Amino acid sequence: MHKLALDYLQKLLAIPSPTGFTDKAADYLMETLQGMGFQPRKQRKGGVYCELGGEGRGILLSAHVDTLGAMVRSIKGNGRIRYTHIGGWADSTVETENCLVHTRDGKSYSGTVQSTKASQHVFGDMNGDTRGETTLEIVLDEVVKSREDVEKLGIETGCYISWDPRTQLTESGFLKSRHLDDKASAGMLLALAHLVSEGMPLKRRVAVMFTVFEEVGHGASMQLPEGIEDMLAVDMGCVGDDLQCDETMVSICVKDSAGPYHYGFTSELIALCKEKGIRYAADVYPGYSSDTATALRAGNDCRFALIGTGVFASHGYERTHVQGIENTCRLIQAVLDV
């Protein structure tokens, strides 16, 4: 399953989809699932829901395909662009990053995030400068010298900006890319659907959902279909100080900023990892939230848990490992086999 997941996630990573600009990613999901023989439906909000089959206790596996990004806040008199954040990311993580500016008439223009004092030879020591919306700007790869020049391209306030994912798979098995949160998990759910389409038996009713507003806090804030008893968010595990998880493991989150996850469901996941020999870590993520929180706030009555491959440098230029994706896939399959 994890080899299929790698293929799907790399295709998803190549589709720009900052929150609010996700139609192309959703269209890819719809076409892919339809090609497998399923009947997915695109939600009014823009996400994709699909029943994979099975009977009995319903379980919903969710992932999100919206990513961090930016939007044109204003166009400066010199033709440079001031941006505004979409999602929670640090300005220091995008300095010198290549990007695309997407116009409302379907065109895309390349550019780079640069300091307003970009040249060392001109401005001298810049190490002490604070990075932020007023000290960084988008420099377009177009001959533009004024706001009017930029507007002639069709670029205006409200146009979306996406970051170059810079996806690389190393010989040692590390996958480096922006937006592994959460396209790595979306790739796993497509791999699951692929296996079901080829005859993998299901012991219970299984559905998958791909949300598109998770990064701004209301991804799964809708009423779930009748009969869904369990919701398993497949997102990411964090790697860093005070955490057990690394990029080769599947993370099981026991508590995040929204509070503790369902004790019984989480205990079952931990027990499955121990029984199947799946490398895992149980961790607390105080600065984290997932689609389960918004689904519960919307009034859904279901058990809820969160898993995901370990991701280093989350919300930056992220990194995971093939083993982490494999362990997460193994746990997904184990959950559906009980």
Protein backbone atom coordinates (compact mmCIF):
# COMPACT_ATOMS: atom_id res chain seq x y z
CA MET A 1 0.00 0.00 0.00
CA HIS A 2 2.77 2.46 0.85
CA LYS A 3 4.25 2.27 -2.67
CA LEU A 4 0.89 3.25 -4.14
CA ALA A 5 0.65 6.01 -1.54
CA LEU A 6 4.02 7.44 -2.62
CA ASP A 7 2.85 7.63 -6.21
CA TYR A 8 -0.45 9.33 -5.37
CA LEU A 9 1.03 11.78 -2.89
CA GLN A 10 3.67 12.97 -5.34
CA LYS A 11 0.94 13.66 -7.90
CA LEU A 12 -1.03 15.60 -5.29
CA LEU A 13 2.06 17.58 -4.26
CA ALA A 14 2.39 18.83 -7.84
CA ILE A 15 -1.07 20.46 -7.70
CA PRO A 16 -1.11 23.91 -6.02
CA SER A 17 -3.90 23.97 -3.41
CA PRO A 18 -3.58 26.62 -0.69
CA THR A 19 -6.73 26.80 1.42
CA GLY A 20 -9.54 28.31 -0.64
CA PHE A 21 -7.85 27.47 -3.96
CA THR A 22 -8.36 23.72 -3.97
CA ASP A 23 -10.62 22.98 -6.95
CA LYS A 24 -7.86 21.42 -9.07
CA ALA A 25 -6.85 19.09 -6.23
CA ALA A 26 -10.50 18.16 -5.62
CA ASP A 27 -10.99 17.53 -9.35
CA TYR A 28 -7.99 15.20 -9.31
CA LEU A 29 -9.48 13.30 -6.37
CA MET A 30 -12.86 13.02 -8.09
CA GLU A 31 -11.37 11.79 -11.36
CA THR A 32 -9.07 9.32 -9.62
CA LEU A 33 -11.78 7.82 -7.44
CA GLN A 34 -14.22 7.64 -10.36
CA GLY A 35 -11.54 5.88 -12.37
CA MET A 36 -11.39 3.25 -9.62
CA GLY A 37 -15.12 2.62 -9.99
CA PHE A 38 -16.35 4.59 -6.97
CA GLN A 39 -19.00 7.31 -6.86
CA PRO A 40 -17.41 10.18 -4.93
CA ARG A 41 -19.29 13.40 -4.38
CA LYS A 42 -17.89 16.89 -4.23
CA GLN A 43 -19.22 18.74 -1.23
CA ARG A 44 -20.59 22.27 -1.55
CA LYS A 45 -17.68 23.41 0.57
CA GLY A 46 -15.26 21.92 -1.95
CA GLY A 47 -14.10 18.73 -0.26
CA VAL A 48 -14.57 15.19 -1.54
CA TYR A 49 -16.48 12.36 0.19
CA CYS A 50 -16.49 8.76 -1.00
CA GLU A 51 -17.98 5.51 0.30
CA LEU A 52 -15.60 2.63 -0.36
CA GLY A 53 -18.04 -0.13 0.60
CA GLY A 54 -18.51 -2.66 3.39
CA GLU A 55 -21.29 -3.03 5.91
CA GLY A 56 -21.84 -2.59 9.62
CA ARG A 57 -20.03 -0.15 11.88
CA GLY A 58 -19.12 2.87 9.82
CA ILE A 59 -15.62 4.34 9.97
CA LEU A 60 -14.59 7.55 8.24
CA LEU A 61 -10.94 8.19 7.42
CA SER A 62 -10.19 11.84 6.72
CA ALA A 63 -7.24 13.74 5.29
CA HIS A 64 -6.95 17.27 3.97
CA VAL A 65 -5.59 18.50 0.65
CA ASP A 66 -5.57 22.21 1.42
CA THR A 67 -2.11 23.55 2.19
CA LEU A 68 -0.41 26.59 3.58
CA GLY A 69 0.00 29.48 1.18
CA ALA A 70 -0.59 33.18 0.78
CA MET A 71 -2.72 35.77 -0.97
CA VAL A 72 -1.94 39.08 -2.61
CA ARG A 73 -2.61 41.73 0.02
CA SER A 74 -1.54 44.69 -2.07
CA ILE A 75 0.61 45.67 -5.03
CA LYS A 76 3.35 48.15 -4.30
CA GLY A 77 4.18 51.17 -6.43
CA ASN A 78 7.41 49.49 -7.59
CA GLY A 79 5.64 46.36 -8.88
CA ARG A 80 6.49 44.18 -5.90
CA ILE A 81 3.71 42.29 -4.07
CA ARG A 82 2.84 42.32 -0.39
CA TYR A 83 1.32 39.04 0.77
CA THR A 84 -0.96 37.93 3.59
CA HIS A 85 -0.77 34.52 5.26
CA ILE A 86 -3.09 31.61 4.58
CA GLY A 87 -2.67 29.16 7.44
CA GLY A 88 -0.13 29.24 10.24
CA TRP A 89 3.45 29.47 9.00
CA ALA A 90 6.55 31.44 9.91
CA ASP A 91 7.77 34.07 7.44
CA SER A 92 11.34 32.87 7.91
CA THR A 93 10.42 29.55 6.24
CA VAL A 94 9.57 31.15 2.87
CA GLU A 95 12.38 33.64 2.33
CA THR A 96 13.95 32.98 -1.12
CA GLU A 97 11.22 30.42 -1.89
CA ASN A 98 9.93 30.20 -5.45
CA CYS A 99 6.20 30.65 -5.84
CA LEU A 100 3.32 31.04 -8.29
CA VAL A 101 0.78 33.86 -8.31
CA HIS A 102 -2.56 32.60 -9.65
CA THR A 103 -4.92 35.06 -11.33
CA ARG A 104 -8.70 34.73 -11.43
CA ASP A 105 -8.63 34.26 -15.21
CA GLY A 106 -6.55 31.08 -14.88
CA LYS A 107 -3.04 32.36 -15.49
CA SER A 108 -0.05 31.73 -13.21
CA TYR A 109 3.08 33.85 -12.89
CA SER A 110 6.28 32.73 -11.21
CA GLY A 111 8.10 34.75 -8.60
CA THR A 112 10.33 34.58 -5.54
CA VAL A 113 9.92 35.65 -1.93
CA GLN A 114 12.71 38.08 -1.21
CA SER A 115 13.74 40.48 1.50
CA THR A 116 12.98 44.12 0.81
CA LYS A 117 16.74 44.45 1.37
CA ALA A 118 17.72 41.46 -0.72
CA SER A 119 21.26 42.35 -1.82
CA GLN A 120 24.10 41.91 0.64
CA HIS A 121 26.31 44.14 -1.49
CA VAL A 122 23.79 46.98 -1.33
CA PHE A 123 22.34 46.77 2.18
CA GLY A 124 25.16 45.13 4.13
CA ASP A 125 24.50 42.88 7.15
CA MET A 126 20.84 41.76 7.17
CA ASN A 127 21.07 39.07 9.84
CA GLY A 128 19.27 41.14 12.44
CA ASP A 129 16.27 42.03 10.29
CA THR A 130 12.91 40.62 11.36
CA ARG A 131 11.16 38.53 8.71
CA GLY A 132 7.51 39.43 8.13
CA GLU A 133 4.92 40.75 5.70
CA THR A 134 6.52 44.22 5.71
CA THR A 135 10.13 43.06 5.26
CA LEU A 136 9.53 40.28 2.70
CA GLU A 137 7.84 40.65 -0.68
CA ILE A 138 7.05 38.74 -3.86
CA VAL A 139 9.31 39.65 -6.77
CA LEU A 140 7.64 38.59 -10.02
CA ASP A 141 9.59 37.05 -12.90
CA GLU A 142 8.10 39.64 -15.22
CA VAL A 143 9.37 43.01 -16.39
CA VAL A 144 7.18 45.13 -14.14
CA LYS A 145 8.11 48.45 -12.56
CA SER A 146 4.77 49.74 -11.24
CA ARG A 147 1.46 48.65 -9.77
CA GLU A 148 -0.16 49.33 -13.15
CA ASP A 149 2.29 46.94 -14.87
CA VAL A 150 1.31 44.17 -12.46
CA GLU A 151 -2.41 44.84 -12.80
CA LYS A 152 -2.11 44.49 -16.57
CA LEU A 153 -1.09 40.85 -15.97
CA GLY A 154 -4.43 40.25 -14.23
CA ILE A 155 -2.86 40.19 -10.76
CA GLU A 156 -4.92 41.97 -8.12
CA THR A 157 -5.67 41.86 -4.41
CA GLY A 158 -7.09 38.44 -3.55
CA CYS A 159 -5.07 36.39 -6.04
CA TYR A 160 -3.64 33.23 -4.50
CA ILE A 161 0.06 32.49 -4.01
CA SER A 162 1.37 28.93 -3.80
CA TRP A 163 4.83 27.78 -2.75
CA ASP A 164 7.02 25.52 -4.87
CA PRO A 165 6.84 22.14 -3.06
CA ARG A 166 10.40 21.15 -4.12
CA THR A 167 9.61 17.45 -3.75
CA GLN A 168 12.58 15.07 -3.50
CA LEU A 169 12.76 11.37 -2.66
CA THR A 170 16.28 10.45 -1.56
CA GLU A 171 18.01 7.11 -2.05
CA SER A 172 17.95 6.66 1.72
CA GLY A 173 14.15 6.82 1.73
CA PHE A 174 13.54 10.37 2.95
CA LEU A 175 10.79 12.34 1.26
CA LYS A 176 11.37 16.10 1.43
CA SER A 177 8.68 18.50 0.33
CA ARG A 178 6.41 21.29 1.35
CA HIS A 179 2.82 20.25 2.03
CA LEU A 180 3.44 16.71 3.30
CA ASP A 181 0.89 18.09 5.75
CA ASP A 182 -1.38 16.66 4.62
CA LYS A 183 -0.93 15.37 1.11
CA ALA A 184 1.08 12.43 2.42
CA SER A 185 -2.05 11.22 4.20
CA ALA A 186 -4.30 11.99 1.23
CA GLY A 187 -2.03 9.79 -0.86
CA MET A 188 -2.48 6.97 1.66
CA LEU A 189 -6.26 7.21 1.48
CA LEU A 190 -6.14 7.07 -2.32
CA ALA A 191 -3.90 4.01 -2.03
CA LEU A 192 -6.47 2.43 0.29
CA ALA A 193 -9.24 3.14 -2.23
CA HIS A 194 -7.05 1.65 -4.97
CA LEU A 195 -6.65 -1.61 -3.03
CA VAL A 196 -10.38 -1.81 -2.27
CA SER A 197 -11.15 -1.29 -5.97
CA GLU A 198 -8.92 -4.28 -6.72
CA GLY A 199 -10.76 -6.54 -4.29
CA MET A 200 -9.38 -5.91 -0.81
CA PRO A 201 -12.18 -7.11 1.52
CA LEU A 202 -13.73 -4.74 4.04
CA LYS A 203 -14.98 -6.03 7.38
CA ARG A 204 -16.96 -2.87 8.08
CA ARG A 205 -18.39 0.13 6.25
CA VAL A 206 -15.52 2.39 5.17
CA ALA A 207 -15.66 5.94 3.82
CA VAL A 208 -12.94 8.47 3.05
CA MET A 209 -13.17 12.25 3.14
CA PHE A 210 -10.73 14.86 1.85
CA THR A 211 -11.31 18.26 3.43
CA VAL A 212 -10.16 21.61 2.05
CA PHE A 213 -10.31 24.09 4.94
CA GLU A 214 -8.36 22.26 7.64
CA GLU A 215 -5.47 24.73 7.73
CA VAL A 216 -7.81 27.54 8.75
CA GLY A 217 -9.77 25.53 11.30
CA HIS A 218 -13.07 24.42 9.81
CA GLY A 219 -12.23 21.53 7.50
CA ALA A 220 -14.67 18.87 8.76
CA SER A 221 -17.21 21.18 10.38
CA MET A 222 -20.21 19.56 8.73
CA GLN A 223 -22.69 16.84 9.63
CA LEU A 224 -21.25 13.42 8.87
CA PRO A 225 -23.40 10.81 7.12
CA GLU A 226 -25.62 8.61 9.28
CA GLY A 227 -23.97 5.49 10.66
CA ILE A 228 -20.41 6.79 11.06
CA GLU A 229 -19.34 5.49 14.45
CA ASP A 230 -15.59 6.16 14.25
CA MET A 231 -13.63 9.01 12.68
CA LEU A 232 -9.92 8.53 12.12
CA ALA A 233 -8.08 11.66 11.03
CA VAL A 234 -4.95 10.76 9.06
CA ASP A 235 -2.76 13.83 9.29
CA MET A 236 0.85 14.06 10.47
CA GLY A 237 2.97 13.37 13.49
CA CYS A 238 5.33 16.07 14.74
CA VAL A 239 9.06 15.55 15.29
CA GLY A 240 10.96 17.64 17.83
CA ASP A 241 11.88 18.23 21.46
CA ASP A 242 9.88 16.36 24.09
CA LEU A 243 8.38 14.04 21.44
CA GLN A 244 9.01 10.34 20.83
CA CYS A 245 8.03 10.31 17.16
CA ASP A 246 10.50 10.39 14.29
CA GLU A 247 10.04 10.27 10.52
CA THR A 248 10.11 6.45 10.37
CA MET A 249 7.15 5.96 12.76
CA VAL A 250 3.42 6.31 12.74
CA SER A 251 2.33 8.86 15.30
CA ILE A 252 -0.72 8.31 17.49
CA CYS A 253 -1.77 11.63 19.00
CA VAL A 254 -3.24 11.20 22.48
CA LYS A 255 -3.92 14.91 23.11
CA ASP A 256 -3.68 18.15 21.17
CA SER A 257 -4.87 21.75 21.57
CA ALA A 258 -8.51 20.60 21.43
CA GLY A 259 -8.01 18.14 24.30
CA PRO A 260 -7.58 14.38 24.62
CA TYR A 261 -8.56 11.97 21.86
CA HIS A 262 -11.04 9.16 22.51
CA TYR A 263 -9.38 6.90 25.07
CA GLY A 264 -10.90 3.64 23.89
CA PHE A 265 -10.21 4.22 20.18
CA THR A 266 -6.68 5.44 20.86
CA SER A 267 -6.01 2.43 23.10
CA GLU A 268 -7.13 0.13 20.28
CA LEU A 269 -4.67 1.79 17.90
CA ILE A 270 -1.79 1.38 20.34
CA ALA A 271 -2.72 -2.26 20.93
CA LEU A 272 -2.80 -2.93 17.17
CA CYS A 273 0.68 -1.45 16.77
CA LYS A 274 2.02 -3.68 19.52
CA GLU A 275 0.29 -6.76 18.12
CA LYS A 276 1.39 -6.18 14.51
CA GLY A 277 4.90 -4.95 15.27
CA ILE A 278 4.18 -1.50 13.80
CA ARG A 279 6.70 1.15 14.88
CA TYR A 280 4.71 3.89 16.57
CA ALA A 281 4.92 6.73 19.04
CA ALA A 282 2.17 8.09 21.27
CA ASP A 283 2.65 11.83 21.71
CA VAL A 284 1.02 15.04 22.93
CA TYR A 285 0.86 17.97 20.48
CA PRO A 286 -0.20 21.15 22.35
CA GLY A 287 0.07 23.34 19.24
CA TYR A 288 -1.93 21.06 16.96
CA SER A 289 -5.54 20.51 15.95
CA SER A 290 -7.20 18.20 13.43
CA ASP A 291 -10.40 17.68 11.47
CA THR A 292 -11.83 15.56 14.28
CA ALA A 293 -12.07 18.64 16.51
CA THR A 294 -14.15 20.56 13.97
CA ALA A 295 -16.32 17.50 13.28
CA LEU A 296 -17.06 17.14 16.99
CA ARG A 297 -17.80 20.85 17.39
CA ALA A 298 -20.29 20.48 14.54
CA GLY A 299 -22.23 18.08 16.76
CA ASN A 300 -21.18 14.68 15.41
CA ASP A 301 -21.39 11.78 17.84
CA CYS A 302 -18.51 9.42 17.06
CA ARG A 303 -15.30 8.04 18.47
CA PHE A 304 -12.30 9.99 17.23
CA ALA A 305 -8.56 9.47 16.87
CA LEU A 306 -5.58 10.87 14.99
CA ILE A 307 -2.62 9.16 13.34
CA GLY A 308 -0.02 10.12 10.76
CA THR A 309 3.51 9.62 9.55
CA GLY A 310 6.20 11.49 11.48
CA VAL A 311 6.98 14.84 9.82
CA PHE A 312 10.05 16.93 10.64
CA ALA A 313 9.96 20.75 10.21
CA SER A 314 6.17 20.87 10.07
CA HIS A 315 4.72 23.91 8.30
CA GLY A 316 8.10 24.52 6.69
CA TYR A 317 10.13 22.51 4.18
CA GLU A 318 8.98 19.20 5.63
CA ARG A 319 10.51 15.74 5.71
CA THR A 320 9.22 12.23 6.34
CA HIS A 321 10.49 8.74 5.50
CA VAL A 322 9.16 5.88 3.43
CA GLN A 323 9.13 3.75 6.61
CA GLY A 324 6.86 6.27 8.32
CA ILE A 325 4.44 6.12 5.41
CA GLU A 326 4.62 2.31 5.45
CA ASN A 327 3.93 2.10 9.19
CA THR A 328 0.99 4.48 8.86
CA CYS A 329 -0.43 2.42 5.98
CA ARG A 330 -0.03 -0.74 8.03
CA LEU A 331 -1.96 0.78 10.91
CA ILE A 332 -4.75 1.95 8.58
CA GLN A 333 -5.09 -1.57 7.22
CA ALA A 334 -5.00 -3.06 10.71
CA VAL A 335 -7.81 -0.76 11.87
CA LEU A 336 -10.01 -1.89 9.00
CA ASP A 337 -9.25 -5.56 9.65
CA VAL A 338 -10.92 -5.71 13.08
